[in-house]
Amino acid sequence: MAFERTRTVGKLWRYLRDPGVAAWRKLAGVAAVAYVFWPLDLLPDGIPVLGWLDDVGILAATAAFLVAEVRRHERQREERASEKTVDAH
């Protein structure tokens, strides 16, 4: 379990450090966390349950986006690595 988390964090780190990834894609997670703590929401937090659902929805959508982005990035990285291996032979 810990090894899998380490690999996941490593993949995310490579994604965030890649200069080929657009800055707006990297900042999606930061923007989602900022939205949760920002006092102005689409649905005010004072409304029981509904006020928190928009925050949860934003975080879930951002998490899904980042997971898809990191997976896409890893696939592209693997494809580039395999192309280099083929070219080397």
C-alpha atoms as a PDB file:
ATOM      1  CA  MET A   1       0.000   0.000   0.000  1.00  0.00           C
ATOM      2  CA  ALA A   2       2.717   2.483   0.939  1.00  0.00           C
ATOM      3  CA  PHE A   3       4.712   1.567  -2.186  1.00  0.00           C
ATOM      4  CA  GLU A   4       1.695   2.292  -4.404  1.00  0.00           C
ATOM      5  CA  ARG A   5       1.248   5.712  -2.796  1.00  0.00           C
ATOM      6  CA  THR A   6       4.918   6.466  -3.312  1.00  0.00           C
ATOM      7  CA  ARG A   7       4.621   5.601  -6.997  1.00  0.00           C
ATOM      8  CA  THR A   8       1.491   7.745  -7.324  1.00  0.00           C
ATOM      9  CA  VAL A   9       3.166  10.710  -5.667  1.00  0.00           C
ATOM     10  CA  GLY A  10       6.171  10.223  -7.941  1.00  0.00           C
ATOM     11  CA  LYS A  11       3.963  10.278 -11.032  1.00  0.00           C
ATOM     12  CA  LEU A  12       2.211  13.423  -9.821  1.00  0.00           C
ATOM     13  CA  TRP A  13       5.594  15.030  -9.088  1.00  0.00           C
ATOM     14  CA  ARG A  14       6.854  14.236 -12.615  1.00  0.00           C
ATOM     15  CA  TYR A  15       3.637  15.701 -14.037  1.00  0.00           C
ATOM     16  CA  LEU A  16       3.974  18.909 -12.024  1.00  0.00           C
ATOM     17  CA  ARG A  17       7.665  19.332 -12.930  1.00  0.00           C
ATOM     18  CA  ASP A  18       7.201  18.725 -16.661  1.00  0.00           C
ATOM     19  CA  PRO A  19       7.666  22.040 -18.499  1.00  0.00           C
ATOM     20  CA  GLY A  20       5.549  20.679 -21.361  1.00  0.00           C
ATOM     21  CA  VAL A  21       2.424  20.625 -19.188  1.00  0.00           C
ATOM     22  CA  ALA A  22       0.444  23.866 -19.303  1.00  0.00           C
ATOM     23  CA  ALA A  23       0.456  25.898 -16.101  1.00  0.00           C
ATOM     24  CA  TRP A  24      -3.350  26.034 -15.952  1.00  0.00           C
ATOM     25  CA  ARG A  25      -3.467  22.233 -15.835  1.00  0.00           C
ATOM     26  CA  LYS A  26      -1.021  22.170 -12.957  1.00  0.00           C
ATOM     27  CA  LEU A  27      -2.928  24.838 -11.039  1.00  0.00           C
ATOM     28  CA  ALA A  28      -6.290  23.028 -11.198  1.00  0.00           C
ATOM     29  CA  GLY A  29      -5.721  21.377  -7.820  1.00  0.00           C
ATOM     30  CA  VAL A  30      -4.621  24.607  -6.191  1.00  0.00           C
ATOM     31  CA  ALA A  31      -7.687  26.384  -7.572  1.00  0.00           C
ATOM     32  CA  ALA A  32     -10.009  23.676  -6.234  1.00  0.00           C
ATOM     33  CA  VAL A  33      -8.536  23.872  -2.727  1.00  0.00           C
ATOM     34  CA  ALA A  34      -8.710  27.668  -2.858  1.00  0.00           C
ATOM     35  CA  TYR A  35     -12.388  27.437  -3.844  1.00  0.00           C
ATOM     36  CA  VAL A  36     -13.157  25.290  -0.807  1.00  0.00           C
ATOM     37  CA  PHE A  37     -11.584  27.837   1.547  1.00  0.00           C
ATOM     38  CA  TRP A  38     -12.813  30.921  -0.301  1.00  0.00           C
ATOM     39  CA  PRO A  39     -15.688  32.558   1.588  1.00  0.00           C
ATOM     40  CA  LEU A  40     -17.782  33.017  -1.578  1.00  0.00           C
ATOM     41  CA  ASP A  41     -19.246  29.794  -2.991  1.00  0.00           C
ATOM     42  CA  LEU A  42     -21.853  28.944  -5.584  1.00  0.00           C
ATOM     43  CA  LEU A  43     -23.871  27.548  -2.697  1.00  0.00           C
ATOM     44  CA  PRO A  44     -23.068  29.213   0.652  1.00  0.00           C
ATOM     45  CA  ASP A  45     -21.728  26.846   3.312  1.00  0.00           C
ATOM     46  CA  GLY A  46     -24.421  28.107   5.665  1.00  0.00           C
ATOM     47  CA  ILE A  47     -27.017  26.043   3.813  1.00  0.00           C
ATOM     48  CA  PRO A  48     -26.974  22.650   5.559  1.00  0.00           C
ATOM     49  CA  VAL A  49     -25.643  19.807   3.384  1.00  0.00           C
ATOM     50  CA  LEU A  50     -26.111  21.635   0.061  1.00  0.00           C
ATOM     51  CA  GLY A  51     -23.528  24.210   1.045  1.00  0.00           C
ATOM     52  CA  TRP A  52     -20.879  21.512   1.330  1.00  0.00           C
ATOM     53  CA  LEU A  53     -21.934  19.535  -1.731  1.00  0.00           C
ATOM     54  CA  ASP A  54     -20.590  22.088  -4.179  1.00  0.00           C
ATOM     55  CA  ASP A  55     -17.227  21.991  -2.386  1.00  0.00           C
ATOM     56  CA  VAL A  56     -17.168  18.195  -2.519  1.00  0.00           C
ATOM     57  CA  GLY A  57     -18.207  18.287  -6.176  1.00  0.00           C
ATOM     58  CA  ILE A  58     -15.417  20.702  -7.085  1.00  0.00           C
ATOM     59  CA  LEU A  59     -12.830  18.588  -5.262  1.00  0.00           C
ATOM     60  CA  ALA A  60     -14.106  15.351  -6.832  1.00  0.00           C
ATOM     61  CA  ALA A  61     -14.140  16.821 -10.341  1.00  0.00           C
ATOM     62  CA  THR A  62     -10.639  18.209  -9.879  1.00  0.00           C
ATOM     63  CA  ALA A  63      -9.349  14.909  -8.496  1.00  0.00           C
ATOM     64  CA  ALA A  64     -10.825  13.069 -11.496  1.00  0.00           C
ATOM     65  CA  PHE A  65      -9.252  15.626 -13.848  1.00  0.00           C
ATOM     66  CA  LEU A  66      -5.826  15.314 -12.230  1.00  0.00           C
ATOM     67  CA  VAL A  67      -5.936  11.505 -12.197  1.00  0.00           C
ATOM     68  CA  ALA A  68      -6.814  11.489 -15.909  1.00  0.00           C
ATOM     69  CA  GLU A  69      -4.101  14.065 -16.627  1.00  0.00           C
ATOM     70  CA  VAL A  70      -1.394  12.165 -14.753  1.00  0.00           C
ATOM     71  CA  ARG A  71      -2.382   8.905 -16.468  1.00  0.00           C
ATOM     72  CA  ARG A  72      -2.279  10.603 -19.878  1.00  0.00           C
ATOM     73  CA  HIS A  73       1.081  12.122 -19.038  1.00  0.00           C
ATOM     74  CA  GLU A  74       2.486   8.741 -17.969  1.00  0.00           C
ATOM     75  CA  ARG A  75       1.226   7.078 -21.176  1.00  0.00           C
ATOM     76  CA  GLN A  76       2.874   9.774 -23.286  1.00  0.00           C
ATOM     77  CA  ARG A  77       6.079   9.426 -21.279  1.00  0.00           C
ATOM     78  CA  GLU A  78       6.087   5.641 -21.783  1.00  0.00           C
ATOM     79  CA  GLU A  79       5.418   6.069 -25.521  1.00  0.00           C
ATOM     80  CA  ARG A  80       8.331   8.493 -25.853  1.00  0.00           C
ATOM     81  CA  ALA A  81      10.568   6.107 -23.931  1.00  0.00           C
ATOM     82  CA  SER A  82       9.591   3.154 -26.131  1.00  0.00           C
ATOM     83  CA  GLU A  83      10.176   5.230 -29.279  1.00  0.00           C
ATOM     84  CA  LYS A  84      13.660   6.066 -28.046  1.00  0.00           C
ATOM     85  CA  THR A  85      14.303   2.368 -27.366  1.00  0.00           C
ATOM     86  CA  VAL A  86      13.137   1.426 -30.872  1.00  0.00           C
ATOM     87  CA  ASP A  87      15.225   4.196 -32.436  1.00  0.00           C
ATOM     88  CA  ALA A  88      18.314   3.083 -30.490  1.00  0.00           C
ATOM     89  CA  HIS A  89      18.206  -0.404 -32.053  1.00  0.00           C
END
